[in-house]
Amino acid sequence: MLYLVPTPIGNLKDMSFRALEILREVDIILCEDTRVSSKLLKHYDISAPLIAYHAHNEHQQTEKWINELKNGKSIAQISDAGTPGISDPGFLLVRACHEHELPMTCLPGASAVLPALVVSGLPSNRFHFEGFLPQKKGRQTRWKYLAQLPHTFVLFESPFRVVKCLKEAAEHLGSDRKVALCREISKLHEEVFTSNIEEAISDFESRTKIKGEFVLVFEGLS
């Protein structure tokens, strides 16, 4: 059985009882970065073998883990934070399990998308999740698409590029479009900043140091 196990996006207390039970029972745990995941496992006294499986090696190693599953091994896949497969590795192994008719399950759990959407104050009955925009090729095309969406949409962005992203948003969406910037979700210094795009640019340009990955929630075209 393959288990896709969400891990906390900040507060370690958000780990579910079922997730802990599975991680203690499986034969192998696949993770993005062993240095990050080892801290989580150490905190909960979990000793299953931890092996790196990420964007740089998943194409080469997927067949290996499919064979391990065929041989009766139980495997859990986790990401550094949140649910595997959501802007993180996970899709290739899940697709391969479907192709080989191998059993799998995904536990419900942490994701930065839904908490940010809920606290944004923007309509959440319908929304579009974009994830990370392309860094170069195709970026302008995606902005043009997003600018025409009639409903709320969600982006991920690095703290180092968040101001650049906001300026691009102002260019394509208009500076008066509403936005919520959410960072450090569930952590000690959690922040939800809501304003229009112009005010957000002004505020974040004035900050000397910005920490934490961002979830940007934008108002749809009215």
N, C-alpha and C. Protein backbone atom coordinates (compact mmCIF):
# COMPACT_ATOMS: atom_id res chain seq x y z
N MET A 1 0.85 -1.19 0.00
CA MET A 1 0.00 0.00 0.00
C MET A 1 0.88 1.24 0.00
N LEU A 2 0.51 2.21 -0.83
CA LEU A 2 1.14 3.52 -0.80
C LEU A 2 0.25 4.46 0.00
N TYR A 3 0.84 5.14 0.96
CA TYR A 3 0.12 6.13 1.76
C TYR A 3 0.67 7.52 1.46
N LEU A 4 -0.18 8.43 1.05
CA LEU A 4 0.20 9.83 0.89
C LEU A 4 -0.19 10.55 2.16
N VAL A 5 0.81 11.00 2.90
CA VAL A 5 0.58 11.48 4.26
C VAL A 5 0.90 12.98 4.37
N PRO A 6 -0.11 13.80 4.62
CA PRO A 6 0.15 15.23 4.82
C PRO A 6 0.95 15.46 6.11
N THR A 7 1.81 16.46 6.07
CA THR A 7 2.57 16.86 7.26
C THR A 7 2.29 18.32 7.56
N PRO A 8 2.53 18.77 8.79
CA PRO A 8 2.18 20.15 9.16
C PRO A 8 2.87 21.19 8.29
N ILE A 9 2.16 22.27 8.00
CA ILE A 9 2.76 23.37 7.25
C ILE A 9 3.44 24.37 8.19
N GLY A 10 3.31 24.13 9.47
CA GLY A 10 3.94 25.01 10.45
C GLY A 10 3.96 24.37 11.82
N ASN A 11 2.84 24.42 12.50
CA ASN A 11 2.74 23.91 13.86
C ASN A 11 2.74 22.38 13.88
N LEU A 12 3.72 21.78 14.53
CA LEU A 12 3.84 20.32 14.55
C LEU A 12 2.64 19.64 15.21
N LYS A 13 1.89 20.38 16.02
CA LYS A 13 0.72 19.79 16.68
C LYS A 13 -0.42 19.51 15.69
N ASP A 14 -0.29 19.99 14.46
CA ASP A 14 -1.32 19.73 13.46
C ASP A 14 -1.21 18.33 12.86
N MET A 15 -0.22 17.57 13.24
CA MET A 15 -0.08 16.19 12.77
C MET A 15 -1.24 15.36 13.32
N SER A 16 -1.88 14.56 12.45
CA SER A 16 -3.03 13.78 12.90
C SER A 16 -2.58 12.46 13.55
N PHE A 17 -3.46 11.89 14.39
CA PHE A 17 -3.16 10.61 15.03
C PHE A 17 -2.98 9.52 13.98
N ARG A 18 -3.83 9.54 12.96
CA ARG A 18 -3.74 8.50 11.92
C ARG A 18 -2.44 8.62 11.13
N ALA A 19 -2.03 9.85 10.83
CA ALA A 19 -0.77 10.04 10.10
C ALA A 19 0.41 9.49 10.89
N LEU A 20 0.42 9.76 12.19
CA LEU A 20 1.50 9.25 13.04
C LEU A 20 1.49 7.73 13.08
N GLU A 21 0.31 7.15 13.18
CA GLU A 21 0.18 5.70 13.22
C GLU A 21 0.75 5.07 11.95
N ILE A 22 0.42 5.63 10.80
CA ILE A 22 0.90 5.08 9.54
C ILE A 22 2.41 5.23 9.42
N LEU A 23 2.95 6.40 9.76
CA LEU A 23 4.39 6.61 9.64
C LEU A 23 5.18 5.69 10.57
N ARG A 24 4.57 5.28 11.67
CA ARG A 24 5.25 4.34 12.58
C ARG A 24 5.19 2.90 12.08
N GLU A 25 4.22 2.61 11.19
CA GLU A 25 4.01 1.23 10.77
C GLU A 25 4.59 0.89 9.41
N VAL A 26 4.80 1.89 8.54
CA VAL A 26 5.26 1.58 7.17
C VAL A 26 6.71 1.12 7.17
N ASP A 27 7.09 0.47 6.06
CA ASP A 27 8.47 -0.02 5.90
C ASP A 27 9.41 1.09 5.46
N ILE A 28 8.90 2.03 4.66
CA ILE A 28 9.73 3.08 4.06
C ILE A 28 8.95 4.39 4.05
N ILE A 29 9.66 5.48 4.30
CA ILE A 29 9.07 6.81 4.17
C ILE A 29 9.86 7.58 3.11
N LEU A 30 9.18 8.00 2.06
CA LEU A 30 9.79 8.82 1.03
C LEU A 30 9.52 10.28 1.35
N CYS A 31 10.53 11.14 1.19
CA CYS A 31 10.37 12.55 1.53
C CYS A 31 11.12 13.42 0.53
N GLU A 32 10.84 14.70 0.56
CA GLU A 32 11.56 15.64 -0.32
C GLU A 32 12.98 15.85 0.17
N ASP A 33 13.15 16.16 1.43
CA ASP A 33 14.46 16.52 1.99
C ASP A 33 14.59 15.81 3.34
N THR A 34 15.53 14.90 3.43
CA THR A 34 15.68 14.13 4.67
C THR A 34 16.03 15.02 5.85
N ARG A 35 16.71 16.13 5.59
CA ARG A 35 17.08 17.03 6.69
C ARG A 35 15.85 17.67 7.32
N VAL A 36 14.87 17.99 6.47
CA VAL A 36 13.63 18.60 6.97
C VAL A 36 12.76 17.55 7.66
N SER A 37 12.55 16.43 6.98
CA SER A 37 11.62 15.42 7.51
C SER A 37 12.18 14.70 8.73
N SER A 38 13.49 14.61 8.84
CA SER A 38 14.07 13.93 10.01
C SER A 38 13.72 14.66 11.30
N LYS A 39 13.56 15.99 11.23
CA LYS A 39 13.17 16.75 12.42
C LYS A 39 11.77 16.37 12.88
N LEU A 40 10.87 16.20 11.90
CA LEU A 40 9.50 15.79 12.23
C LEU A 40 9.49 14.39 12.84
N LEU A 41 10.20 13.47 12.20
CA LEU A 41 10.20 12.08 12.69
C LEU A 41 10.85 11.98 14.06
N LYS A 42 11.91 12.74 14.27
CA LYS A 42 12.57 12.73 15.58
C LYS A 42 11.63 13.27 16.65
N HIS A 43 10.88 14.31 16.31
CA HIS A 43 9.96 14.92 17.27
C HIS A 43 8.92 13.91 17.76
N TYR A 44 8.49 13.03 16.85
CA TYR A 44 7.46 12.03 17.19
C TYR A 44 8.04 10.63 17.39
N ASP A 45 9.35 10.54 17.49
CA ASP A 45 10.01 9.26 17.78
C ASP A 45 9.63 8.18 16.76
N ILE A 46 9.73 8.53 15.48
CA ILE A 46 9.43 7.60 14.38
C ILE A 46 10.75 7.17 13.75
N SER A 47 10.93 5.86 13.58
CA SER A 47 12.24 5.35 13.17
C SER A 47 12.26 4.65 11.81
N ALA A 48 11.20 4.71 11.04
CA ALA A 48 11.19 4.06 9.72
C ALA A 48 12.25 4.69 8.82
N PRO A 49 12.84 3.90 7.91
CA PRO A 49 13.85 4.45 6.99
C PRO A 49 13.31 5.62 6.19
N LEU A 50 14.08 6.69 6.12
CA LEU A 50 13.69 7.92 5.44
C LEU A 50 14.56 8.09 4.20
N ILE A 51 13.93 8.17 3.03
CA ILE A 51 14.67 8.20 1.76
C ILE A 51 14.21 9.38 0.92
N ALA A 52 15.17 10.09 0.33
CA ALA A 52 14.85 11.27 -0.48
C ALA A 52 14.24 10.85 -1.81
N TYR A 53 13.10 11.43 -2.11
CA TYR A 53 12.39 11.20 -3.38
C TYR A 53 11.76 12.53 -3.75
N HIS A 54 12.35 13.19 -4.74
CA HIS A 54 11.97 14.58 -5.00
C HIS A 54 11.99 14.87 -6.50
N ALA A 55 11.81 16.14 -6.84
CA ALA A 55 11.67 16.53 -8.25
C ALA A 55 12.89 16.18 -9.09
N HIS A 56 14.06 16.06 -8.45
CA HIS A 56 15.29 15.81 -9.21
C HIS A 56 15.58 14.32 -9.43
N ASN A 57 14.87 13.44 -8.72
CA ASN A 57 15.15 12.02 -8.92
C ASN A 57 13.90 11.15 -9.10
N GLU A 58 12.71 11.76 -9.02
CA GLU A 58 11.50 10.93 -9.05
C GLU A 58 11.30 10.22 -10.39
N HIS A 59 11.75 10.83 -11.48
CA HIS A 59 11.61 10.15 -12.78
C HIS A 59 12.46 8.88 -12.83
N GLN A 60 13.63 8.94 -12.21
CA GLN A 60 14.53 7.79 -12.22
C GLN A 60 14.13 6.72 -11.20
N GLN A 61 13.50 7.12 -10.09
CA GLN A 61 13.27 6.18 -9.00
C GLN A 61 11.86 5.64 -8.88
N THR A 62 10.92 6.18 -9.64
CA THR A 62 9.53 5.75 -9.49
C THR A 62 9.38 4.25 -9.71
N GLU A 63 10.03 3.72 -10.74
CA GLU A 63 9.92 2.28 -11.01
C GLU A 63 10.43 1.45 -9.84
N LYS A 64 11.50 1.93 -9.22
CA LYS A 64 12.06 1.22 -8.06
C LYS A 64 11.02 1.09 -6.94
N TRP A 65 10.30 2.17 -6.66
CA TRP A 65 9.33 2.13 -5.56
C TRP A 65 8.07 1.36 -5.95
N ILE A 66 7.74 1.35 -7.22
CA ILE A 66 6.64 0.50 -7.68
C ILE A 66 6.99 -0.96 -7.45
N ASN A 67 8.22 -1.33 -7.73
CA ASN A 67 8.65 -2.72 -7.51
C ASN A 67 8.63 -3.07 -6.03
N GLU A 68 9.00 -2.13 -5.19
CA GLU A 68 8.95 -2.38 -3.74
C GLU A 68 7.51 -2.60 -3.28
N LEU A 69 6.59 -1.82 -3.83
CA LEU A 69 5.17 -2.01 -3.50
C LEU A 69 4.67 -3.37 -3.99
N LYS A 70 5.10 -3.77 -5.18
CA LYS A 70 4.71 -5.08 -5.71
C LYS A 70 5.25 -6.22 -4.85
N ASN A 71 6.39 -5.98 -4.21
CA ASN A 71 7.01 -7.00 -3.35
C ASN A 71 6.46 -6.99 -1.93
N GLY A 72 5.41 -6.20 -1.72
CA GLY A 72 4.73 -6.25 -0.43
C GLY A 72 5.14 -5.19 0.57
N LYS A 73 5.99 -4.27 0.17
CA LYS A 73 6.40 -3.21 1.08
C LYS A 73 5.29 -2.17 1.24
N SER A 74 5.20 -1.60 2.41
CA SER A 74 4.28 -0.47 2.63
C SER A 74 5.12 0.81 2.64
N ILE A 75 4.67 1.78 1.88
CA ILE A 75 5.44 3.02 1.69
C ILE A 75 4.56 4.22 1.99
N ALA A 76 5.12 5.16 2.73
CA ALA A 76 4.46 6.45 2.95
C ALA A 76 5.24 7.52 2.21
N GLN A 77 4.54 8.40 1.54
CA GLN A 77 5.20 9.55 0.91
C GLN A 77 4.76 10.81 1.61
N ILE A 78 5.74 11.63 1.98
CA ILE A 78 5.46 12.91 2.62
C ILE A 78 6.22 14.01 1.87
N SER A 79 5.81 15.24 2.06
CA SER A 79 6.55 16.38 1.51
C SER A 79 7.11 17.17 2.68
N ASP A 80 7.88 18.21 2.38
CA ASP A 80 8.44 19.02 3.47
C ASP A 80 7.34 19.62 4.34
N ALA A 81 6.23 19.98 3.70
CA ALA A 81 5.09 20.55 4.43
C ALA A 81 3.86 20.45 3.56
N GLY A 82 2.75 20.04 4.17
CA GLY A 82 1.50 19.96 3.42
C GLY A 82 1.26 18.59 2.82
N THR A 83 0.45 18.55 1.78
CA THR A 83 0.02 17.30 1.17
C THR A 83 0.84 16.98 -0.06
N PRO A 84 1.43 15.79 -0.16
CA PRO A 84 2.19 15.43 -1.37
C PRO A 84 1.34 15.57 -2.62
N GLY A 85 1.98 16.02 -3.69
CA GLY A 85 1.28 16.15 -4.96
C GLY A 85 0.70 17.53 -5.21
N ILE A 86 0.60 18.36 -4.18
CA ILE A 86 0.08 19.73 -4.34
C ILE A 86 1.28 20.66 -4.41
N SER A 87 1.73 20.97 -5.63
CA SER A 87 2.96 21.73 -5.86
C SER A 87 4.16 21.07 -5.19
N ASP A 88 4.10 19.78 -5.03
CA ASP A 88 5.18 18.98 -4.45
C ASP A 88 5.20 17.63 -5.16
N PRO A 89 6.30 16.85 -5.02
CA PRO A 89 6.34 15.51 -5.61
C PRO A 89 5.18 14.65 -5.11
N GLY A 90 4.76 13.72 -5.93
CA GLY A 90 3.67 12.82 -5.55
C GLY A 90 2.92 12.30 -6.75
N PHE A 91 2.75 13.15 -7.75
CA PHE A 91 1.93 12.78 -8.90
C PHE A 91 2.47 11.56 -9.64
N LEU A 92 3.78 11.51 -9.89
CA LEU A 92 4.34 10.42 -10.70
C LEU A 92 4.12 9.06 -10.04
N LEU A 93 4.32 8.99 -8.74
CA LEU A 93 4.15 7.71 -8.05
C LEU A 93 2.68 7.31 -8.00
N VAL A 94 1.81 8.29 -7.80
CA VAL A 94 0.37 7.99 -7.80
C VAL A 94 -0.07 7.49 -9.17
N ARG A 95 0.36 8.14 -10.22
CA ARG A 95 0.00 7.72 -11.58
C ARG A 95 0.52 6.31 -11.86
N ALA A 96 1.73 6.03 -11.42
CA ALA A 96 2.30 4.70 -11.64
C ALA A 96 1.53 3.63 -10.87
N CYS A 97 1.06 3.97 -9.68
CA CYS A 97 0.25 3.02 -8.92
C CYS A 97 -1.05 2.70 -9.66
N HIS A 98 -1.66 3.71 -10.26
CA HIS A 98 -2.86 3.48 -11.06
C HIS A 98 -2.55 2.55 -12.24
N GLU A 99 -1.44 2.81 -12.90
CA GLU A 99 -1.07 2.02 -14.08
C GLU A 99 -0.82 0.55 -13.71
N HIS A 100 -0.28 0.32 -12.53
CA HIS A 100 0.05 -1.05 -12.09
C HIS A 100 -1.03 -1.64 -11.18
N GLU A 101 -2.12 -0.91 -11.01
CA GLU A 101 -3.24 -1.35 -10.19
C GLU A 101 -2.82 -1.71 -8.77
N LEU A 102 -2.03 -0.82 -8.19
CA LEU A 102 -1.56 -1.00 -6.81
C LEU A 102 -2.40 -0.14 -5.87
N PRO A 103 -2.71 -0.64 -4.69
CA PRO A 103 -3.56 0.11 -3.77
C PRO A 103 -2.84 1.32 -3.16
N MET A 104 -3.59 2.36 -2.94
CA MET A 104 -3.04 3.57 -2.32
C MET A 104 -4.16 4.35 -1.67
N THR A 105 -3.77 5.26 -0.80
CA THR A 105 -4.74 6.13 -0.16
C THR A 105 -4.05 7.43 0.22
N CYS A 106 -4.82 8.52 0.22
CA CYS A 106 -4.30 9.82 0.64
C CYS A 106 -5.05 10.26 1.88
N LEU A 107 -4.33 10.53 2.94
CA LEU A 107 -4.96 10.99 4.17
C LEU A 107 -5.36 12.46 4.02
N PRO A 108 -6.50 12.86 4.56
CA PRO A 108 -6.84 14.28 4.57
C PRO A 108 -5.92 15.01 5.55
N GLY A 109 -5.62 16.24 5.23
CA GLY A 109 -4.74 16.95 6.16
C GLY A 109 -4.27 18.28 5.65
N ALA A 110 -3.12 18.69 6.13
CA ALA A 110 -2.63 20.05 5.97
C ALA A 110 -2.39 20.44 4.52
N SER A 111 -2.78 21.66 4.21
CA SER A 111 -2.48 22.31 2.94
C SER A 111 -2.57 23.80 3.19
N ALA A 112 -1.64 24.57 2.63
CA ALA A 112 -1.67 26.02 2.85
C ALA A 112 -2.80 26.69 2.09
N VAL A 113 -3.32 26.02 1.07
CA VAL A 113 -4.31 26.64 0.19
C VAL A 113 -5.60 26.99 0.93
N LEU A 114 -6.21 26.00 1.57
CA LEU A 114 -7.53 26.22 2.16
C LEU A 114 -7.52 27.19 3.35
N PRO A 115 -6.57 27.11 4.29
CA PRO A 115 -6.56 28.11 5.37
C PRO A 115 -6.43 29.54 4.83
N ALA A 116 -5.56 29.72 3.83
CA ALA A 116 -5.38 31.06 3.26
C ALA A 116 -6.66 31.54 2.59
N LEU A 117 -7.30 30.65 1.86
CA LEU A 117 -8.54 30.99 1.17
C LEU A 117 -9.62 31.39 2.17
N VAL A 118 -9.75 30.64 3.23
CA VAL A 118 -10.80 30.88 4.22
C VAL A 118 -10.58 32.21 4.95
N VAL A 119 -9.33 32.50 5.33
CA VAL A 119 -9.09 33.73 6.11
C VAL A 119 -8.94 34.96 5.24
N SER A 120 -8.91 34.80 3.92
CA SER A 120 -8.71 35.93 3.02
C SER A 120 -9.87 36.91 3.03
N GLY A 121 -11.07 36.41 3.35
CA GLY A 121 -12.25 37.25 3.27
C GLY A 121 -12.79 37.40 1.87
N LEU A 122 -12.18 36.71 0.91
CA LEU A 122 -12.64 36.73 -0.47
C LEU A 122 -13.56 35.54 -0.73
N PRO A 123 -14.44 35.62 -1.71
CA PRO A 123 -15.38 34.52 -1.97
C PRO A 123 -14.64 33.18 -2.17
N SER A 124 -15.13 32.16 -1.50
CA SER A 124 -14.45 30.85 -1.55
C SER A 124 -15.36 29.73 -2.04
N ASN A 125 -16.57 30.09 -2.51
CA ASN A 125 -17.46 29.02 -3.00
C ASN A 125 -16.95 28.42 -4.29
N ARG A 126 -16.21 29.23 -5.07
CA ARG A 126 -15.50 28.74 -6.26
C ARG A 126 -14.14 29.40 -6.28
N PHE A 127 -13.09 28.64 -6.59
CA PHE A 127 -11.76 29.25 -6.67
C PHE A 127 -10.88 28.45 -7.62
N HIS A 128 -9.83 29.10 -8.08
CA HIS A 128 -8.85 28.48 -8.96
C HIS A 128 -7.51 28.42 -8.24
N PHE A 129 -6.88 27.25 -8.22
CA PHE A 129 -5.55 27.12 -7.62
C PHE A 129 -4.51 27.07 -8.72
N GLU A 130 -3.63 28.05 -8.76
CA GLU A 130 -2.60 28.14 -9.79
C GLU A 130 -1.26 27.60 -9.33
N GLY A 131 -0.99 27.64 -8.01
CA GLY A 131 0.32 27.21 -7.52
C GLY A 131 1.38 28.23 -7.87
N PHE A 132 2.60 27.75 -8.17
CA PHE A 132 3.68 28.64 -8.56
C PHE A 132 3.58 28.98 -10.04
N LEU A 133 3.69 30.25 -10.37
CA LEU A 133 3.74 30.67 -11.76
C LEU A 133 5.08 30.27 -12.37
N PRO A 134 5.13 30.03 -13.68
CA PRO A 134 6.42 29.76 -14.34
C PRO A 134 7.37 30.94 -14.11
N GLN A 135 8.64 30.66 -13.92
CA GLN A 135 9.58 31.74 -13.67
C GLN A 135 9.85 32.59 -14.90
N LYS A 136 9.84 31.96 -16.07
CA LYS A 136 10.14 32.71 -17.30
C LYS A 136 9.11 32.40 -18.37
N LYS A 137 9.37 31.38 -19.16
CA LYS A 137 8.51 31.07 -20.29
C LYS A 137 7.09 30.74 -19.84
N GLY A 138 6.13 31.43 -20.42
CA GLY A 138 4.73 31.16 -20.12
C GLY A 138 4.16 31.98 -18.98
N ARG A 139 4.98 32.77 -18.29
CA ARG A 139 4.50 33.51 -17.13
C ARG A 139 3.46 34.57 -17.54
N GLN A 140 3.77 35.34 -18.57
CA GLN A 140 2.83 36.36 -19.02
C GLN A 140 1.52 35.76 -19.50
N THR A 141 1.61 34.61 -20.14
CA THR A 141 0.40 33.93 -20.62
C THR A 141 -0.50 33.53 -19.47
N ARG A 142 0.11 33.05 -18.38
CA ARG A 142 -0.68 32.66 -17.22
C ARG A 142 -1.33 33.88 -16.56
N TRP A 143 -0.61 34.99 -16.49
CA TRP A 143 -1.20 36.19 -15.91
C TRP A 143 -2.41 36.65 -16.73
N LYS A 144 -2.30 36.60 -18.04
CA LYS A 144 -3.41 37.01 -18.89
C LYS A 144 -4.63 36.11 -18.67
N TYR A 145 -4.37 34.82 -18.46
CA TYR A 145 -5.47 33.89 -18.18
C TYR A 145 -6.10 34.20 -16.82
N LEU A 146 -5.26 34.39 -15.82
CA LEU A 146 -5.77 34.64 -14.47
C LEU A 146 -6.55 35.95 -14.39
N ALA A 147 -6.13 36.94 -15.16
CA ALA A 147 -6.78 38.25 -15.12
C ALA A 147 -8.24 38.18 -15.53
N GLN A 148 -8.61 37.16 -16.30
CA GLN A 148 -9.98 37.06 -16.80
C GLN A 148 -10.86 36.12 -15.96
N LEU A 149 -10.29 35.50 -14.95
CA LEU A 149 -11.07 34.57 -14.13
C LEU A 149 -12.13 35.33 -13.33
N PRO A 150 -13.36 34.85 -13.31
CA PRO A 150 -14.42 35.55 -12.58
C PRO A 150 -14.45 35.21 -11.10
N HIS A 151 -13.60 34.27 -10.68
CA HIS A 151 -13.63 33.84 -9.27
C HIS A 151 -12.23 33.95 -8.65
N THR A 152 -12.19 33.84 -7.35
CA THR A 152 -10.96 33.95 -6.57
C THR A 152 -9.91 32.96 -7.08
N PHE A 153 -8.64 33.39 -7.08
CA PHE A 153 -7.57 32.45 -7.44
C PHE A 153 -6.40 32.58 -6.47
N VAL A 154 -5.65 31.48 -6.37
CA VAL A 154 -4.61 31.34 -5.34
C VAL A 154 -3.26 31.04 -5.99
N LEU A 155 -2.23 31.77 -5.55
CA LEU A 155 -0.86 31.56 -6.00
C LEU A 155 0.05 31.25 -4.82
N PHE A 156 1.12 30.53 -5.08
CA PHE A 156 2.23 30.40 -4.13
C PHE A 156 3.35 31.31 -4.59
N GLU A 157 4.08 31.92 -3.65
CA GLU A 157 5.22 32.75 -4.03
C GLU A 157 6.28 32.78 -2.95
N SER A 158 7.52 32.92 -3.37
CA SER A 158 8.65 33.04 -2.46
C SER A 158 8.69 34.44 -1.85
N PRO A 159 9.21 34.57 -0.61
CA PRO A 159 9.33 35.91 -0.01
C PRO A 159 10.28 36.81 -0.80
N PHE A 160 11.20 36.21 -1.54
CA PHE A 160 12.17 36.99 -2.31
C PHE A 160 11.56 37.57 -3.59
N ARG A 161 10.42 37.02 -4.02
CA ARG A 161 9.82 37.47 -5.27
C ARG A 161 8.40 38.01 -5.10
N VAL A 162 7.96 38.15 -3.86
CA VAL A 162 6.56 38.51 -3.64
C VAL A 162 6.25 39.93 -4.14
N VAL A 163 7.17 40.88 -3.98
CA VAL A 163 6.93 42.24 -4.46
C VAL A 163 6.88 42.27 -5.99
N LYS A 164 7.79 41.55 -6.62
CA LYS A 164 7.77 41.44 -8.08
C LYS A 164 6.44 40.86 -8.55
N CYS A 165 5.97 39.84 -7.86
CA CYS A 165 4.70 39.19 -8.21
C CYS A 165 3.55 40.18 -8.08
N LEU A 166 3.55 40.97 -7.02
CA LEU A 166 2.49 41.95 -6.81
C LEU A 166 2.50 43.03 -7.91
N LYS A 167 3.68 43.45 -8.32
CA LYS A 167 3.78 44.45 -9.39
C LYS A 167 3.25 43.89 -10.71
N GLU A 168 3.55 42.63 -10.98
CA GLU A 168 3.00 41.99 -12.17
C GLU A 168 1.47 41.89 -12.07
N ALA A 169 0.99 41.59 -10.87
CA ALA A 169 -0.45 41.50 -10.65
C ALA A 169 -1.11 42.86 -10.91
N ALA A 170 -0.48 43.93 -10.45
CA ALA A 170 -1.03 45.27 -10.68
C ALA A 170 -1.11 45.57 -12.16
N GLU A 171 -0.10 45.16 -12.90
CA GLU A 171 -0.05 45.40 -14.34
C GLU A 171 -1.17 44.66 -15.06
N HIS A 172 -1.42 43.41 -14.66
CA HIS A 172 -2.37 42.57 -15.39
C HIS A 172 -3.79 42.62 -14.83
N LEU A 173 -3.91 42.83 -13.52
CA LEU A 173 -5.23 42.79 -12.89
C LEU A 173 -5.78 44.17 -12.58
N GLY A 174 -4.87 45.13 -12.47
CA GLY A 174 -5.28 46.46 -12.02
C GLY A 174 -4.91 46.64 -10.56
N SER A 175 -4.44 47.82 -10.20
CA SER A 175 -3.91 48.05 -8.85
C SER A 175 -4.98 48.07 -7.76
N ASP A 176 -6.26 48.18 -8.15
CA ASP A 176 -7.31 48.24 -7.14
C ASP A 176 -7.93 46.88 -6.83
N ARG A 177 -7.43 45.82 -7.50
CA ARG A 177 -7.95 44.47 -7.24
C ARG A 177 -7.57 44.05 -5.81
N LYS A 178 -8.48 43.41 -5.11
CA LYS A 178 -8.22 42.99 -3.72
C LYS A 178 -7.31 41.78 -3.69
N VAL A 179 -6.48 41.71 -2.65
CA VAL A 179 -5.56 40.58 -2.47
C VAL A 179 -5.36 40.33 -0.97
N ALA A 180 -5.16 39.07 -0.62
CA ALA A 180 -4.76 38.70 0.74
C ALA A 180 -3.41 38.00 0.66
N LEU A 181 -2.45 38.47 1.42
CA LEU A 181 -1.13 37.86 1.47
C LEU A 181 -1.02 37.11 2.80
N CYS A 182 -0.86 35.81 2.72
CA CYS A 182 -0.82 34.98 3.92
C CYS A 182 0.55 34.33 4.01
N ARG A 183 1.18 34.44 5.17
CA ARG A 183 2.49 33.81 5.35
C ARG A 183 2.58 33.21 6.75
N GLU A 184 3.51 32.28 6.91
CA GLU A 184 3.74 31.63 8.20
C GLU A 184 2.45 31.05 8.78
N ILE A 185 1.62 30.47 7.94
CA ILE A 185 0.33 29.93 8.38
C ILE A 185 0.53 28.87 9.46
N SER A 186 -0.17 29.02 10.55
CA SER A 186 -0.15 28.14 11.73
C SER A 186 1.11 28.30 12.58
N LYS A 187 2.02 29.18 12.19
CA LYS A 187 3.24 29.40 12.97
C LYS A 187 3.08 30.59 13.91
N LEU A 188 4.11 30.84 14.70
CA LEU A 188 4.06 31.89 15.73
C LEU A 188 3.83 33.27 15.12
N HIS A 189 4.46 33.55 13.99
CA HIS A 189 4.37 34.87 13.38
C HIS A 189 3.44 34.88 12.17
N GLU A 190 2.36 34.13 12.25
CA GLU A 190 1.38 34.10 11.15
C GLU A 190 0.87 35.51 10.86
N GLU A 191 0.74 35.80 9.56
CA GLU A 191 0.24 37.11 9.15
C GLU A 191 -0.71 36.95 7.97
N VAL A 192 -1.80 37.67 8.04
CA VAL A 192 -2.73 37.78 6.91
C VAL A 192 -2.90 39.27 6.64
N PHE A 193 -2.39 39.71 5.49
CA PHE A 193 -2.44 41.12 5.11
C PHE A 193 -3.44 41.27 3.97
N THR A 194 -4.50 42.03 4.20
CA THR A 194 -5.53 42.20 3.18
C THR A 194 -5.62 43.67 2.77
N SER A 195 -5.68 43.90 1.48
CA SER A 195 -5.76 45.27 0.96
C SER A 195 -6.02 45.17 -0.54
N ASN A 196 -5.86 46.30 -1.25
CA ASN A 196 -5.79 46.18 -2.70
C ASN A 196 -4.32 46.00 -3.09
N ILE A 197 -4.06 45.69 -4.34
CA ILE A 197 -2.70 45.36 -4.76
C ILE A 197 -1.76 46.55 -4.57
N GLU A 198 -2.22 47.75 -4.88
CA GLU A 198 -1.38 48.95 -4.75
C GLU A 198 -0.90 49.13 -3.32
N GLU A 199 -1.78 49.00 -2.35
CA GLU A 199 -1.41 49.16 -0.94
C GLU A 199 -0.47 48.04 -0.50
N ALA A 200 -0.68 46.83 -1.01
CA ALA A 200 0.19 45.70 -0.66
C ALA A 200 1.61 45.94 -1.16
N ILE A 201 1.75 46.45 -2.37
CA ILE A 201 3.08 46.76 -2.91
C ILE A 201 3.78 47.77 -2.03
N SER A 202 3.07 48.83 -1.67
CA SER A 202 3.65 49.89 -0.84
C SER A 202 4.12 49.35 0.50
N ASP A 203 3.31 48.51 1.11
CA ASP A 203 3.66 47.98 2.43
C ASP A 203 4.86 47.03 2.36
N PHE A 204 4.83 46.11 1.43
CA PHE A 204 5.89 45.09 1.40
C PHE A 204 7.19 45.62 0.82
N GLU A 205 7.13 46.66 -0.01
CA GLU A 205 8.37 47.29 -0.48
C GLU A 205 9.09 47.99 0.66
N SER A 206 8.35 48.44 1.66
CA SER A 206 8.96 49.17 2.77
C SER A 206 9.58 48.25 3.82
N ARG A 207 9.33 46.98 3.73
CA ARG A 207 9.86 46.04 4.72
C ARG A 207 11.31 45.68 4.39
N THR A 208 12.16 45.67 5.40
CA THR A 208 13.57 45.38 5.17
C THR A 208 13.83 43.89 5.01
N LYS A 209 13.02 43.07 5.66
CA LYS A 209 13.22 41.63 5.56
C LYS A 209 11.87 40.93 5.63
N ILE A 210 11.64 40.05 4.66
CA ILE A 210 10.38 39.32 4.61
C ILE A 210 10.69 37.83 4.74
N LYS A 211 10.01 37.17 5.66
CA LYS A 211 10.24 35.74 5.89
C LYS A 211 8.97 34.94 5.60
N GLY A 212 9.16 33.68 5.26
CA GLY A 212 8.03 32.77 5.11
C GLY A 212 7.48 32.71 3.70
N GLU A 213 7.16 31.52 3.24
CA GLU A 213 6.54 31.36 1.94
C GLU A 213 5.15 31.99 1.96
N PHE A 214 4.75 32.54 0.83
CA PHE A 214 3.48 33.25 0.74
C PHE A 214 2.41 32.45 -0.01
N VAL A 215 1.18 32.60 0.47
CA VAL A 215 0.00 32.20 -0.31
C VAL A 215 -0.72 33.50 -0.63
N LEU A 216 -0.86 33.78 -1.92
CA LEU A 216 -1.53 35.00 -2.37
C LEU A 216 -2.92 34.65 -2.88
N VAL A 217 -3.92 35.30 -2.32
CA VAL A 217 -5.30 35.05 -2.70
C VAL A 217 -5.84 36.33 -3.36
N PHE A 218 -6.19 36.22 -4.65
CA PHE A 218 -6.62 37.38 -5.41
C PHE A 218 -8.12 37.34 -5.69
N GLU A 219 -8.72 38.50 -5.66
CA GLU A 219 -10.11 38.66 -6.04
C GLU A 219 -10.27 38.37 -7.53
N GLY A 220 -11.37 37.75 -7.90
CA GLY A 220 -11.65 37.49 -9.30
C GLY A 220 -12.16 38.75 -10.00
N LEU A 221 -12.23 38.67 -11.34
CA LEU A 221 -12.71 39.78 -12.13
C LEU A 221 -14.21 39.98 -11.90
N SER A 222 -14.60 41.18 -11.55
CA SER A 222 -16.02 41.44 -11.27
C SER A 222 -16.70 42.05 -12.48
